[in-house]
């Protein structure tokens, strides 16, 4: 399954995610902080979707109500 998620409240405007059999295979953030985005993408690769959601969904970026990792979790949650 390919997910192209339009983010809200964060620097990247889109997250592209590939999921196969409940496992995150690939993640690409479009825009935002290149290093952090690549780091998050590599860390979640190979993880179960539910594990990614539970670990990332409540992360905030400074005073924002969300973050890039939380938007990734939201994208997965809305598409499983």
PDB file of N, CA and C in Angstrom:
ATOM      1  N   UNK A   1       0.850  -1.162   0.000  1.00  0.00           N
ATOM      2  CA  UNK A   1       0.000   0.000   0.000  1.00  0.00           C
ATOM      3  C   UNK A   1       0.902   1.233   0.000  1.00  0.00           C
ATOM      4  N   UNK A   2       0.584   2.191  -0.871  1.00  0.00           N
ATOM      5  CA  UNK A   2       1.289   3.460  -0.904  1.00  0.00           C
ATOM      6  C   UNK A   2       0.395   4.537  -0.322  1.00  0.00           C
ATOM      7  N   UNK A   3       0.957   5.338   0.573  1.00  0.00           N
ATOM      8  CA  UNK A   3       0.225   6.427   1.212  1.00  0.00           C
ATOM      9  C   UNK A   3       0.939   7.730   0.861  1.00  0.00           C
ATOM     10  N   UNK A   4       0.213   8.692   0.322  1.00  0.00           N
ATOM     11  CA  UNK A   4       0.728  10.027   0.065  1.00  0.00           C
ATOM     12  C   UNK A   4      -0.083  10.961   0.939  1.00  0.00           C
ATOM     13  N   UNK A   5       0.502  11.346   2.074  1.00  0.00           N
ATOM     14  CA  UNK A   5      -0.228  12.080   3.103  1.00  0.00           C
ATOM     15  C   UNK A   5       0.156  13.549   3.118  1.00  0.00           C
ATOM     16  N   UNK A   6      -0.835  14.429   3.003  1.00  0.00           N
ATOM     17  CA  UNK A   6      -0.632  15.876   3.103  1.00  0.00           C
ATOM     18  C   UNK A   6      -0.602  16.242   4.587  1.00  0.00           C
ATOM     19  N   UNK A   7       0.522  16.751   5.043  1.00  0.00           N
ATOM     20  CA  UNK A   7       0.692  17.064   6.460  1.00  0.00           C
ATOM     21  C   UNK A   7       0.005  18.373   6.840  1.00  0.00           C
ATOM     22  N   UNK A   8      -0.148  18.562   8.150  1.00  0.00           N
ATOM     23  CA  UNK A   8      -0.723  19.788   8.688  1.00  0.00           C
ATOM     24  C   UNK A   8       0.097  20.218   9.897  1.00  0.00           C
ATOM     25  N   UNK A   9       0.512  21.492   9.917  1.00  0.00           N
ATOM     26  CA  UNK A   9       1.177  22.054  11.089  1.00  0.00           C
ATOM     27  C   UNK A   9       2.652  21.743  11.232  1.00  0.00           C
ATOM     28  N   UNK A  10       3.278  21.221  10.175  1.00  0.00           N
ATOM     29  CA  UNK A  10       4.707  20.915  10.221  1.00  0.00           C
ATOM     30  C   UNK A  10       5.389  21.429   8.953  1.00  0.00           C
ATOM     31  N   UNK A  11       6.699  21.433   8.941  1.00  0.00           N
ATOM     32  CA  UNK A  11       7.456  21.951   7.794  1.00  0.00           C
ATOM     33  C   UNK A  11       7.291  21.123   6.517  1.00  0.00           C
ATOM     34  N   UNK A  12       7.439  19.797   6.567  1.00  0.00           N
ATOM     35  CA  UNK A  12       7.213  19.022   5.338  1.00  0.00           C
ATOM     36  C   UNK A  12       5.751  19.132   4.913  1.00  0.00           C
ATOM     37  N   UNK A  13       5.510  19.231   3.622  1.00  0.00           N
ATOM     38  CA  UNK A  13       4.124  19.340   3.163  1.00  0.00           C
ATOM     39  C   UNK A  13       3.508  17.993   2.810  1.00  0.00           C
ATOM     40  N   UNK A  14       4.337  16.949   2.724  1.00  0.00           N
ATOM     41  CA  UNK A  14       3.811  15.628   2.380  1.00  0.00           C
ATOM     42  C   UNK A  14       4.737  14.542   2.911  1.00  0.00           C
ATOM     43  N   UNK A  15       4.131  13.407   3.260  1.00  0.00           N
ATOM     44  CA  UNK A  15       4.888  12.212   3.633  1.00  0.00           C
ATOM     45  C   UNK A  15       4.424  11.092   2.720  1.00  0.00           C
ATOM     46  N   UNK A  16       5.376  10.438   2.064  1.00  0.00           N
ATOM     47  CA  UNK A  16       5.081   9.288   1.213  1.00  0.00           C
ATOM     48  C   UNK A  16       5.539   8.036   1.960  1.00  0.00           C
ATOM     49  N   UNK A  17       4.615   7.098   2.091  1.00  0.00           N
ATOM     50  CA  UNK A  17       4.869   5.910   2.913  1.00  0.00           C
ATOM     51  C   UNK A  17       4.502   4.664   2.128  1.00  0.00           C
ATOM     52  N   UNK A  18       5.355   3.658   2.219  1.00  0.00           N
ATOM     53  CA  UNK A  18       5.040   2.347   1.643  1.00  0.00           C
ATOM     54  C   UNK A  18       4.902   1.354   2.783  1.00  0.00           C
ATOM     55  N   UNK A  19       3.774   0.654   2.816  1.00  0.00           N
ATOM     56  CA  UNK A  19       3.495  -0.355   3.840  1.00  0.00           C
ATOM     57  C   UNK A  19       3.167  -1.666   3.144  1.00  0.00           C
ATOM     58  N   UNK A  20       3.764  -2.752   3.618  1.00  0.00           N
ATOM     59  CA  UNK A  20       3.462  -4.085   3.095  1.00  0.00           C
ATOM     60  C   UNK A  20       3.220  -5.023   4.267  1.00  0.00           C
ATOM     61  N   UNK A  21       2.070  -5.664   4.270  1.00  0.00           N
ATOM     62  CA  UNK A  21       1.733  -6.650   5.301  1.00  0.00           C
ATOM     63  C   UNK A  21       1.898  -6.091   6.718  1.00  0.00           C
ATOM     64  N   UNK A  22       1.494  -4.849   6.908  1.00  0.00           N
ATOM     65  CA  UNK A  22       1.545  -4.246   8.226  1.00  0.00           C
ATOM     66  C   UNK A  22       2.917  -3.770   8.672  1.00  0.00           C
ATOM     67  N   UNK A  23       3.893  -3.758   7.757  1.00  0.00           N
ATOM     68  CA  UNK A  23       5.259  -3.341   8.055  1.00  0.00           C
ATOM     69  C   UNK A  23       5.609  -2.112   7.214  1.00  0.00           C
ATOM     70  N   UNK A  24       6.229  -1.117   7.844  1.00  0.00           N
ATOM     71  CA  UNK A  24       6.669   0.074   7.123  1.00  0.00           C
ATOM     72  C   UNK A  24       7.909  -0.291   6.304  1.00  0.00           C
ATOM     73  N   UNK A  25       7.816  -0.117   4.992  1.00  0.00           N
ATOM     74  CA  UNK A  25       8.927  -0.453   4.101  1.00  0.00           C
ATOM     75  C   UNK A  25       9.749   0.768   3.705  1.00  0.00           C
ATOM     76  N   UNK A  26       9.093   1.914   3.531  1.00  0.00           N
ATOM     77  CA  UNK A  26       9.784   3.122   3.069  1.00  0.00           C
ATOM     78  C   UNK A  26       9.023   4.352   3.525  1.00  0.00           C
ATOM     79  N   UNK A  27       9.746   5.392   3.891  1.00  0.00           N
ATOM     80  CA  UNK A  27       9.150   6.677   4.276  1.00  0.00           C
ATOM     81  C   UNK A  27       9.988   7.788   3.665  1.00  0.00           C
ATOM     82  N   UNK A  28       9.318   8.766   3.065  1.00  0.00           N
ATOM     83  CA  UNK A  28       9.993   9.946   2.525  1.00  0.00           C
ATOM     84  C   UNK A  28       9.194  11.186   2.905  1.00  0.00           C
ATOM     85  N   UNK A  29       9.853  12.121   3.566  1.00  0.00           N
ATOM     86  CA  UNK A  29       9.246  13.405   3.890  1.00  0.00           C
ATOM     87  C   UNK A  29       9.603  14.373   2.770  1.00  0.00           C
ATOM     88  N   UNK A  30       8.630  15.145   2.297  1.00  0.00           N
ATOM     89  CA  UNK A  30       8.895  16.135   1.255  1.00  0.00           C
ATOM     90  C   UNK A  30       8.969  17.511   1.913  1.00  0.00           C
ATOM     91  N   UNK A  31      10.188  18.032   2.013  1.00  0.00           N
ATOM     92  CA  UNK A  31      10.420  19.302   2.683  1.00  0.00           C
ATOM     93  C   UNK A  31      10.818  19.068   4.131  1.00  0.00           C
ATOM     94  N   UNK A  32      11.004  20.160   4.864  1.00  0.00           N
ATOM     95  CA  UNK A  32      11.356  20.057   6.271  1.00  0.00           C
ATOM     96  C   UNK A  32      12.834  19.844   6.488  1.00  0.00           C
ATOM     97  N   UNK A  33      13.201  19.454   7.680  1.00  0.00           N
ATOM     98  CA  UNK A  33      14.592  19.245   8.059  1.00  0.00           C
ATOM     99  C   UNK A  33      15.086  17.918   7.498  1.00  0.00           C
ATOM    100  N   UNK A  34      15.950  17.999   6.547  1.00  0.00           N
ATOM    101  CA  UNK A  34      16.413  16.818   5.824  1.00  0.00           C
ATOM    102  C   UNK A  34      17.001  15.748   6.737  1.00  0.00           C
ATOM    103  N   UNK A  35      17.878  16.137   7.654  1.00  0.00           N
ATOM    104  CA  UNK A  35      18.526  15.157   8.528  1.00  0.00           C
ATOM    105  C   UNK A  35      17.555  14.456   9.457  1.00  0.00           C
ATOM    106  N   UNK A  36      16.702  15.230  10.120  1.00  0.00           N
ATOM    107  CA  UNK A  36      15.731  14.627  11.039  1.00  0.00           C
ATOM    108  C   UNK A  36      14.749  13.740  10.293  1.00  0.00           C
ATOM    109  N   UNK A  37      14.300  14.201   9.137  1.00  0.00           N
ATOM    110  CA  UNK A  37      13.345  13.409   8.356  1.00  0.00           C
ATOM    111  C   UNK A  37      13.951  12.080   7.927  1.00  0.00           C
ATOM    112  N   UNK A  38      15.189  12.121   7.464  1.00  0.00           N
ATOM    113  CA  UNK A  38      15.861  10.881   7.066  1.00  0.00           C
ATOM    114  C   UNK A  38      16.064   9.959   8.265  1.00  0.00           C
ATOM    115  N   UNK A  39      16.400  10.545   9.405  1.00  0.00           N
ATOM    116  CA  UNK A  39      16.599   9.744  10.613  1.00  0.00           C
ATOM    117  C   UNK A  39      15.333   9.034  11.047  1.00  0.00           C
ATOM    118  N   UNK A  40      14.225   9.768  11.101  1.00  0.00           N
ATOM    119  CA  UNK A  40      12.940   9.159  11.475  1.00  0.00           C
ATOM    120  C   UNK A  40      12.578   8.069  10.473  1.00  0.00           C
ATOM    121  N   UNK A  41      12.749   8.363   9.186  1.00  0.00           N
ATOM    122  CA  UNK A  41      12.402   7.390   8.144  1.00  0.00           C
ATOM    123  C   UNK A  41      13.188   6.091   8.303  1.00  0.00           C
ATOM    124  N   UNK A  42      14.477   6.198   8.590  1.00  0.00           N
ATOM    125  CA  UNK A  42      15.305   4.999   8.757  1.00  0.00           C
ATOM    126  C   UNK A  42      14.935   4.227  10.020  1.00  0.00           C
ATOM    127  N   UNK A  43      14.620   4.956  11.086  1.00  0.00           N
ATOM    128  CA  UNK A  43      14.292   4.291  12.349  1.00  0.00           C
ATOM    129  C   UNK A  43      13.005   3.479  12.269  1.00  0.00           C
ATOM    130  N   UNK A  44      12.021   3.947  11.508  1.00  0.00           N
ATOM    131  CA  UNK A  44      10.742   3.233  11.454  1.00  0.00           C
ATOM    132  C   UNK A  44      10.710   2.155  10.377  1.00  0.00           C
ATOM    133  N   UNK A  45      11.675   2.166   9.487  1.00  0.00           N
ATOM    134  CA  UNK A  45      11.716   1.157   8.425  1.00  0.00           C
ATOM    135  C   UNK A  45      11.823  -0.235   9.043  1.00  0.00           C
ATOM    136  N   UNK A  46      10.931  -1.134   8.638  1.00  0.00           N
ATOM    137  CA  UNK A  46      10.923  -2.491   9.158  1.00  0.00           C
ATOM    138  C   UNK A  46      10.063  -2.679  10.397  1.00  0.00           C
ATOM    139  N   UNK A  47       9.520  -1.590  10.921  1.00  0.00           N
ATOM    140  CA  UNK A  47       8.674  -1.681  12.118  1.00  0.00           C
ATOM    141  C   UNK A  47       7.228  -1.984  11.754  1.00  0.00           C
ATOM    142  N   UNK A  48       6.518  -2.600  12.688  1.00  0.00           N
ATOM    143  CA  UNK A  48       5.084  -2.803  12.537  1.00  0.00           C
ATOM    144  C   UNK A  48       4.396  -1.446  12.598  1.00  0.00           C
ATOM    145  N   UNK A  49       3.368  -1.274  11.765  1.00  0.00           N
ATOM    146  CA  UNK A  49       2.627  -0.020  11.715  1.00  0.00           C
ATOM    147  C   UNK A  49       2.116   0.371  13.096  1.00  0.00           C
ATOM    148  N   UNK A  50       1.542  -0.562  13.827  1.00  0.00           N
ATOM    149  CA  UNK A  50       0.986  -0.262  15.155  1.00  0.00           C
ATOM    150  C   UNK A  50       2.068   0.216  16.117  1.00  0.00           C
ATOM    151  N   UNK A  51       3.267  -0.335  16.015  1.00  0.00           N
ATOM    152  CA  UNK A  51       4.369   0.090  16.885  1.00  0.00           C
ATOM    153  C   UNK A  51       4.796   1.520  16.567  1.00  0.00           C
ATOM    154  N   UNK A  52       4.844   1.852  15.277  1.00  0.00           N
ATOM    155  CA  UNK A  52       5.196   3.216  14.871  1.00  0.00           C
ATOM    156  C   UNK A  52       4.163   4.200  15.421  1.00  0.00           C
ATOM    157  N   UNK A  53       2.897   3.867  15.260  1.00  0.00           N
ATOM    158  CA  UNK A  53       1.821   4.740  15.742  1.00  0.00           C
ATOM    159  C   UNK A  53       1.947   4.965  17.245  1.00  0.00           C
ATOM    160  N   UNK A  54       2.095   3.893  18.007  1.00  0.00           N
ATOM    161  CA  UNK A  54       2.126   4.027  19.464  1.00  0.00           C
ATOM    162  C   UNK A  54       3.354   4.796  19.952  1.00  0.00           C
ATOM    163  N   UNK A  55       4.480   4.701  19.255  1.00  0.00           N
ATOM    164  CA  UNK A  55       5.690   5.402  19.671  1.00  0.00           C
ATOM    165  C   UNK A  55       5.700   6.876  19.271  1.00  0.00           C
ATOM    166  N   UNK A  56       5.050   7.221  18.156  1.00  0.00           N
ATOM    167  CA  UNK A  56       5.216   8.564  17.598  1.00  0.00           C
ATOM    168  C   UNK A  56       4.017   9.498  17.714  1.00  0.00           C
ATOM    169  N   UNK A  57       2.832   8.985  17.959  1.00  0.00           N
ATOM    170  CA  UNK A  57       1.633   9.808  17.817  1.00  0.00           C
ATOM    171  C   UNK A  57       1.526  10.989  18.775  1.00  0.00           C
ATOM    172  N   UNK A  58       2.176  10.970  19.900  1.00  0.00           N
ATOM    173  CA  UNK A  58       2.046  12.058  20.875  1.00  0.00           C
ATOM    174  C   UNK A  58       3.247  13.005  20.922  1.00  0.00           C
ATOM    175  N   UNK A  59       4.165  12.872  19.977  1.00  0.00           N
ATOM    176  CA  UNK A  59       5.353  13.731  19.965  1.00  0.00           C
ATOM    177  C   UNK A  59       4.973  15.115  19.442  1.00  0.00           C
ATOM    178  N   UNK A  60       5.480  16.136  20.141  1.00  0.00           N
ATOM    179  CA  UNK A  60       5.225  17.521  19.736  1.00  0.00           C
ATOM    180  C   UNK A  60       6.545  18.179  19.347  1.00  0.00           C
ATOM    181  N   UNK A  61       6.451  19.202  18.515  1.00  0.00           N
ATOM    182  CA  UNK A  61       7.622  19.972  18.092  1.00  0.00           C
ATOM    183  C   UNK A  61       7.515  21.356  18.722  1.00  0.00           C
ATOM    184  N   UNK A  62       8.281  21.585  19.773  1.00  0.00           N
ATOM    185  CA  UNK A  62       8.219  22.865  20.474  1.00  0.00           C
ATOM    186  C   UNK A  62       6.817  23.137  20.982  1.00  0.00           C
ATOM    187  N   UNK A  63       6.289  24.312  20.647  1.00  0.00           N
ATOM    188  CA  UNK A  63       4.942  24.684  21.103  1.00  0.00           C
ATOM    189  C   UNK A  63       3.847  24.223  20.146  1.00  0.00           C
ATOM    190  N   UNK A  64       4.221  23.583  19.065  1.00  0.00           N
ATOM    191  CA  UNK A  64       3.225  23.076  18.108  1.00  0.00           C
ATOM    192  C   UNK A  64       2.469  21.897  18.709  1.00  0.00           C
ATOM    193  N   UNK A  65       1.253  21.717  18.236  1.00  0.00           N
ATOM    194  CA  UNK A  65       0.422  20.619  18.726  1.00  0.00           C
ATOM    195  C   UNK A  65       0.795  19.288  18.083  1.00  0.00           C
ATOM    196  N   UNK A  66       1.691  19.307  17.111  1.00  0.00           N
ATOM    197  CA  UNK A  66       2.071  18.106  16.374  1.00  0.00           C
ATOM    198  C   UNK A  66       3.557  18.171  16.045  1.00  0.00           C
ATOM    199  N   UNK A  67       4.028  17.184  15.288  1.00  0.00           N
ATOM    200  CA  UNK A  67       5.427  17.121  14.852  1.00  0.00           C
ATOM    201  C   UNK A  67       5.492  16.259  13.601  1.00  0.00           C
ATOM    202  N   UNK A  68       6.652  16.215  12.990  1.00  0.00           N
ATOM    203  CA  UNK A  68       6.815  15.343  11.815  1.00  0.00           C
ATOM    204  C   UNK A  68       6.569  13.869  12.179  1.00  0.00           C
ATOM    205  N   UNK A  69       7.152  13.364  13.280  1.00  0.00           N
ATOM    206  CA  UNK A  69       6.866  11.984  13.660  1.00  0.00           C
ATOM    207  C   UNK A  69       5.377  11.754  13.956  1.00  0.00           C
ATOM    208  N   UNK A  70       4.731  12.720  14.622  1.00  0.00           N
ATOM    209  CA  UNK A  70       3.302  12.577  14.928  1.00  0.00           C
ATOM    210  C   UNK A  70       2.466  12.579  13.651  1.00  0.00           C
ATOM    211  N   UNK A  71       2.869  13.363  12.654  1.00  0.00           N
ATOM    212  CA  UNK A  71       2.146  13.367  11.378  1.00  0.00           C
ATOM    213  C   UNK A  71       2.319  12.034  10.655  1.00  0.00           C
ATOM    214  N   UNK A  72       3.488  11.426  10.771  1.00  0.00           N
ATOM    215  CA  UNK A  72       3.708  10.089  10.212  1.00  0.00           C
ATOM    216  C   UNK A  72       2.762   9.093  10.876  1.00  0.00           C
ATOM    217  N   UNK A  73       2.674   9.146  12.195  1.00  0.00           N
ATOM    218  CA  UNK A  73       1.766   8.252  12.919  1.00  0.00           C
ATOM    219  C   UNK A  73       0.321   8.490  12.503  1.00  0.00           C
ATOM    220  N   UNK A  74      -0.064   9.745  12.353  1.00  0.00           N
ATOM    221  CA  UNK A  74      -1.431  10.085  11.946  1.00  0.00           C
ATOM    222  C   UNK A  74      -1.732   9.541  10.555  1.00  0.00           C
ATOM    223  N   UNK A  75      -0.778   9.678   9.636  1.00  0.00           N
ATOM    224  CA  UNK A  75      -0.957   9.160   8.288  1.00  0.00           C
ATOM    225  C   UNK A  75      -1.186   7.654   8.312  1.00  0.00           C
ATOM    226  N   UNK A  76      -0.395   6.950   9.098  1.00  0.00           N
ATOM    227  CA  UNK A  76      -0.533   5.501   9.196  1.00  0.00           C
ATOM    228  C   UNK A  76      -1.869   5.130   9.830  1.00  0.00           C
ATOM    229  N   UNK A  77      -2.228   5.823  10.898  1.00  0.00           N
ATOM    230  CA  UNK A  77      -3.467   5.529  11.623  1.00  0.00           C
ATOM    231  C   UNK A  77      -4.684   5.721  10.730  1.00  0.00           C
ATOM    232  N   UNK A  78      -4.674   6.768   9.921  1.00  0.00           N
ATOM    233  CA  UNK A  78      -5.811   7.052   9.050  1.00  0.00           C
ATOM    234  C   UNK A  78      -5.901   6.100   7.858  1.00  0.00           C
ATOM    235  N   UNK A  79      -4.824   5.384   7.577  1.00  0.00           N
ATOM    236  CA  UNK A  79      -4.811   4.541   6.382  1.00  0.00           C
ATOM    237  C   UNK A  79      -4.694   3.044   6.649  1.00  0.00           C
ATOM    238  N   UNK A  80      -4.853   2.640   7.918  1.00  0.00           N
ATOM    239  CA  UNK A  80      -4.803   1.191   8.178  1.00  0.00           C
ATOM    240  C   UNK A  80      -6.212   0.661   8.398  1.00  0.00           C
TER     241      UNK A  80
END
